């Protein structure tokens, strides 16, 4: 029998969408909420410290923190192909700038986070859904089941 576990993680991040035709072209921040859903079989091994678990919630939290939150929390995230990388002021006044090889939209960040998390999950579980809330009312979602609909 398969079981799903979900963990919600919050972090704050600023970004700018270079070349965008709206206000998000300016540096601005969000309070993000990332929801991670994994699936697998519950361990049935009497006497094992993880008996009855799919994965310890703390282990899932550590994976998400080490792969996503530590890099992006309270960072300024910019498209590395934009001219922002060349601003002397930025390098001298911001301690945590992340330059990506893509436009840091909610959708692109979500797909990047998926790749980062998947590489660190144990073989006994599978990532089946991610949801990245940029605001309380706006989010991007990736779901494994949707990949077969294409």
C-alpha atoms as a PDB file:
ATOM      1  CA  UNK A   1       0.000   0.000   0.000  1.00  0.00           C
ATOM      2  CA  UNK A   2       1.343   3.388  -0.984  1.00  0.00           C
ATOM      3  CA  UNK A   3       1.266   6.405   1.289  1.00  0.00           C
ATOM      4  CA  UNK A   4       1.860  10.072   0.471  1.00  0.00           C
ATOM      5  CA  UNK A   5       3.694  12.459   2.791  1.00  0.00           C
ATOM      6  CA  UNK A   6       3.603  16.214   2.427  1.00  0.00           C
ATOM      7  CA  UNK A   7       5.890  18.801   3.977  1.00  0.00           C
ATOM      8  CA  UNK A   8       5.417  22.574   3.817  1.00  0.00           C
ATOM      9  CA  UNK A   9       8.451  24.828   3.990  1.00  0.00           C
ATOM     10  CA  UNK A  10       8.472  28.634   4.129  1.00  0.00           C
ATOM     11  CA  UNK A  11      11.214  30.989   2.991  1.00  0.00           C
ATOM     12  CA  UNK A  12      11.620  34.563   1.782  1.00  0.00           C
ATOM     13  CA  UNK A  13      13.251  35.588  -1.457  1.00  0.00           C
ATOM     14  CA  UNK A  14      13.597  38.608  -3.725  1.00  0.00           C
ATOM     15  CA  UNK A  15      13.828  38.474  -7.492  1.00  0.00           C
ATOM     16  CA  UNK A  16      13.485  40.533 -10.656  1.00  0.00           C
ATOM     17  CA  UNK A  17      12.294  39.393 -14.069  1.00  0.00           C
ATOM     18  CA  UNK A  18      14.680  40.911 -16.571  1.00  0.00           C
ATOM     19  CA  UNK A  19      12.937  42.134 -19.734  1.00  0.00           C
ATOM     20  CA  UNK A  20       9.452  41.542 -18.326  1.00  0.00           C
ATOM     21  CA  UNK A  21       6.754  43.997 -19.430  1.00  0.00           C
ATOM     22  CA  UNK A  22       5.217  44.534 -15.994  1.00  0.00           C
ATOM     23  CA  UNK A  23       6.141  45.653 -12.484  1.00  0.00           C
ATOM     24  CA  UNK A  24       7.935  42.381 -11.690  1.00  0.00           C
ATOM     25  CA  UNK A  25      10.868  43.647 -13.774  1.00  0.00           C
ATOM     26  CA  UNK A  26      11.823  45.530 -10.602  1.00  0.00           C
ATOM     27  CA  UNK A  27      13.455  43.893  -7.603  1.00  0.00           C
ATOM     28  CA  UNK A  28      10.725  42.763  -5.206  1.00  0.00           C
ATOM     29  CA  UNK A  29      10.238  40.031  -2.627  1.00  0.00           C
ATOM     30  CA  UNK A  30       7.825  37.286  -1.694  1.00  0.00           C
ATOM     31  CA  UNK A  31       7.145  35.016   1.253  1.00  0.00           C
ATOM     32  CA  UNK A  32       7.268  31.671  -0.537  1.00  0.00           C
ATOM     33  CA  UNK A  33       5.710  28.427   0.644  1.00  0.00           C
ATOM     34  CA  UNK A  34       6.921  25.191  -0.928  1.00  0.00           C
ATOM     35  CA  UNK A  35       4.788  22.068  -0.560  1.00  0.00           C
ATOM     36  CA  UNK A  36       6.588  18.798  -1.254  1.00  0.00           C
ATOM     37  CA  UNK A  37       4.685  15.522  -1.725  1.00  0.00           C
ATOM     38  CA  UNK A  38       6.393  12.131  -1.834  1.00  0.00           C
ATOM     39  CA  UNK A  39       4.969   8.630  -2.189  1.00  0.00           C
ATOM     40  CA  UNK A  40       6.171   5.179  -1.230  1.00  0.00           C
ATOM     41  CA  UNK A  41       5.584   2.143   0.925  1.00  0.00           C
ATOM     42  CA  UNK A  42       5.646   2.321   4.712  1.00  0.00           C
ATOM     43  CA  UNK A  43       8.525   0.418   6.304  1.00  0.00           C
ATOM     44  CA  UNK A  44       7.260  -2.733   8.001  1.00  0.00           C
ATOM     45  CA  UNK A  45      10.246  -3.898  10.020  1.00  0.00           C
ATOM     46  CA  UNK A  46       9.595  -4.540  13.703  1.00  0.00           C
ATOM     47  CA  UNK A  47      12.343  -3.137  15.899  1.00  0.00           C
ATOM     48  CA  UNK A  48      13.660  -0.784  13.205  1.00  0.00           C
ATOM     49  CA  UNK A  49      13.718   2.850  14.447  1.00  0.00           C
ATOM     50  CA  UNK A  50      11.784   3.936  11.323  1.00  0.00           C
ATOM     51  CA  UNK A  51       9.214   1.105  11.489  1.00  0.00           C
ATOM     52  CA  UNK A  52       5.830   2.410  10.354  1.00  0.00           C
ATOM     53  CA  UNK A  53       7.292   5.370   8.432  1.00  0.00           C
ATOM     54  CA  UNK A  54       7.605   6.185   4.759  1.00  0.00           C
ATOM     55  CA  UNK A  55      10.277   8.782   5.555  1.00  0.00           C
ATOM     56  CA  UNK A  56      10.922  10.725   8.729  1.00  0.00           C
ATOM     57  CA  UNK A  57       9.386  14.208   8.349  1.00  0.00           C
ATOM     58  CA  UNK A  58      12.627  15.619   9.726  1.00  0.00           C
ATOM     59  CA  UNK A  59      14.611  13.877   6.978  1.00  0.00           C
ATOM     60  CA  UNK A  60      12.337  15.339   4.310  1.00  0.00           C
ATOM     61  CA  UNK A  61      12.713  18.777   5.884  1.00  0.00           C
ATOM     62  CA  UNK A  62      16.522  18.428   5.895  1.00  0.00           C
ATOM     63  CA  UNK A  63      16.534  17.470   2.201  1.00  0.00           C
ATOM     64  CA  UNK A  64      14.418  20.477   1.222  1.00  0.00           C
ATOM     65  CA  UNK A  65      16.412  22.823   3.444  1.00  0.00           C
ATOM     66  CA  UNK A  66      19.782  21.694   2.106  1.00  0.00           C
ATOM     67  CA  UNK A  67      18.759  21.687  -1.567  1.00  0.00           C
ATOM     68  CA  UNK A  68      16.467  24.743  -1.734  1.00  0.00           C
ATOM     69  CA  UNK A  69      16.120  26.865   1.391  1.00  0.00           C
ATOM     70  CA  UNK A  70      19.806  27.252   2.260  1.00  0.00           C
ATOM     71  CA  UNK A  71      20.515  28.579  -1.245  1.00  0.00           C
ATOM     72  CA  UNK A  72      17.424  30.735  -1.791  1.00  0.00           C
ATOM     73  CA  UNK A  73      16.146  31.962   1.598  1.00  0.00           C
ATOM     74  CA  UNK A  74      16.668  35.721   1.944  1.00  0.00           C
ATOM     75  CA  UNK A  75      18.521  35.808  -1.375  1.00  0.00           C
ATOM     76  CA  UNK A  76      18.201  38.152  -4.309  1.00  0.00           C
ATOM     77  CA  UNK A  77      17.641  35.876  -7.309  1.00  0.00           C
ATOM     78  CA  UNK A  78      18.391  37.163 -10.794  1.00  0.00           C
ATOM     79  CA  UNK A  79      18.623  35.908 -14.339  1.00  0.00           C
ATOM     80  CA  UNK A  80      22.362  35.448 -14.905  1.00  0.00           C
ATOM     81  CA  UNK A  81      21.966  36.344 -18.573  1.00  0.00           C
ATOM     82  CA  UNK A  82      20.722  39.806 -17.628  1.00  0.00           C
ATOM     83  CA  UNK A  83      23.047  42.790 -17.145  1.00  0.00           C
ATOM     84  CA  UNK A  84      22.394  42.641 -13.380  1.00  0.00           C
ATOM     85  CA  UNK A  85      25.442  40.422 -12.853  1.00  0.00           C
ATOM     86  CA  UNK A  86      27.682  43.326 -13.853  1.00  0.00           C
ATOM     87  CA  UNK A  87      26.460  45.853 -11.318  1.00  0.00           C
ATOM     88  CA  UNK A  88      29.243  46.734  -8.887  1.00  0.00           C
ATOM     89  CA  UNK A  89      26.703  48.098  -6.418  1.00  0.00           C
ATOM     90  CA  UNK A  90      24.875  44.771  -6.267  1.00  0.00           C
ATOM     91  CA  UNK A  91      28.006  42.809  -5.443  1.00  0.00           C
ATOM     92  CA  UNK A  92      29.062  45.310  -2.788  1.00  0.00           C
ATOM     93  CA  UNK A  93      25.724  45.741  -1.024  1.00  0.00           C
ATOM     94  CA  UNK A  94      23.949  42.409  -1.175  1.00  0.00           C
ATOM     95  CA  UNK A  95      25.460  39.437   0.627  1.00  0.00           C
ATOM     96  CA  UNK A  96      23.369  36.737  -0.987  1.00  0.00           C
ATOM     97  CA  UNK A  97      22.783  37.022  -4.720  1.00  0.00           C
ATOM     98  CA  UNK A  98      21.900  33.933  -6.740  1.00  0.00           C
ATOM     99  CA  UNK A  99      22.374  34.172 -10.507  1.00  0.00           C
ATOM    100  CA  UNK A 100      20.457  31.526 -12.430  1.00  0.00           C
ATOM    101  CA  UNK A 101      20.682  30.486 -16.068  1.00  0.00           C
ATOM    102  CA  UNK A 102      16.945  31.086 -16.434  1.00  0.00           C
ATOM    103  CA  UNK A 103      14.317  33.715 -15.724  1.00  0.00           C
ATOM    104  CA  UNK A 104      13.415  33.345 -11.997  1.00  0.00           C
ATOM    105  CA  UNK A 105       9.657  32.989 -12.472  1.00  0.00           C
ATOM    106  CA  UNK A 106       7.603  30.919 -10.068  1.00  0.00           C
ATOM    107  CA  UNK A 107       7.253  28.224 -12.746  1.00  0.00           C
ATOM    108  CA  UNK A 108      10.975  28.011 -13.520  1.00  0.00           C
ATOM    109  CA  UNK A 109      11.927  28.031  -9.848  1.00  0.00           C
ATOM    110  CA  UNK A 110       9.475  25.197  -9.197  1.00  0.00           C
ATOM    111  CA  UNK A 111      11.032  23.020 -11.905  1.00  0.00           C
ATOM    112  CA  UNK A 112      14.550  23.808 -10.660  1.00  0.00           C
ATOM    113  CA  UNK A 113      13.561  22.930  -7.085  1.00  0.00           C
ATOM    114  CA  UNK A 114      12.091  19.647  -8.345  1.00  0.00           C
ATOM    115  CA  UNK A 115      15.424  18.645  -9.884  1.00  0.00           C
ATOM    116  CA  UNK A 116      17.344  19.620  -6.756  1.00  0.00           C
ATOM    117  CA  UNK A 117      15.052  17.664  -4.408  1.00  0.00           C
ATOM    118  CA  UNK A 118      14.753  14.516  -6.558  1.00  0.00           C
ATOM    119  CA  UNK A 119      18.534  14.016  -6.591  1.00  0.00           C
ATOM    120  CA  UNK A 120      18.587  13.733  -2.772  1.00  0.00           C
ATOM    121  CA  UNK A 121      15.548  11.576  -2.036  1.00  0.00           C
ATOM    122  CA  UNK A 122      16.120   7.978  -0.973  1.00  0.00           C
ATOM    123  CA  UNK A 123      15.362   5.336  -3.608  1.00  0.00           C
ATOM    124  CA  UNK A 124      12.444   4.098  -1.486  1.00  0.00           C
ATOM    125  CA  UNK A 125      10.339   7.228  -2.153  1.00  0.00           C
ATOM    126  CA  UNK A 126       9.288   9.188  -5.231  1.00  0.00           C
ATOM    127  CA  UNK A 127       8.478  12.874  -5.588  1.00  0.00           C
ATOM    128  CA  UNK A 128       4.952  13.140  -6.992  1.00  0.00           C
ATOM    129  CA  UNK A 129       3.978  16.783  -6.499  1.00  0.00           C
ATOM    130  CA  UNK A 130       5.395  20.212  -5.773  1.00  0.00           C
ATOM    131  CA  UNK A 131       3.553  23.457  -5.234  1.00  0.00           C
ATOM    132  CA  UNK A 132       5.348  26.777  -4.914  1.00  0.00           C
ATOM    133  CA  UNK A 133       3.234  29.616  -3.526  1.00  0.00           C
ATOM    134  CA  UNK A 134       4.630  32.990  -4.523  1.00  0.00           C
ATOM    135  CA  UNK A 135       1.815  34.734  -2.672  1.00  0.00           C
ATOM    136  CA  UNK A 136      -1.133  33.510  -0.616  1.00  0.00           C
ATOM    137  CA  UNK A 137      -3.266  33.406  -3.769  1.00  0.00           C
ATOM    138  CA  UNK A 138      -0.804  32.578  -6.554  1.00  0.00           C
ATOM    139  CA  UNK A 139       1.225  29.409  -7.047  1.00  0.00           C
ATOM    140  CA  UNK A 140       2.778  27.096  -9.605  1.00  0.00           C
ATOM    141  CA  UNK A 141       2.318  23.362  -9.354  1.00  0.00           C
ATOM    142  CA  UNK A 142       4.107  20.328 -10.760  1.00  0.00           C
ATOM    143  CA  UNK A 143       2.431  16.935 -10.539  1.00  0.00           C
ATOM    144  CA  UNK A 144       3.921  13.653 -11.733  1.00  0.00           C
ATOM    145  CA  UNK A 145       0.519  12.470 -12.976  1.00  0.00           C
ATOM    146  CA  UNK A 146       0.335  15.410 -15.398  1.00  0.00           C
ATOM    147  CA  UNK A 147       3.525  14.316 -17.147  1.00  0.00           C
ATOM    148  CA  UNK A 148       1.684  11.378 -18.733  1.00  0.00           C
ATOM    149  CA  UNK A 149      -1.030  13.650 -20.175  1.00  0.00           C
ATOM    150  CA  UNK A 150       1.288  15.250 -22.738  1.00  0.00           C
END
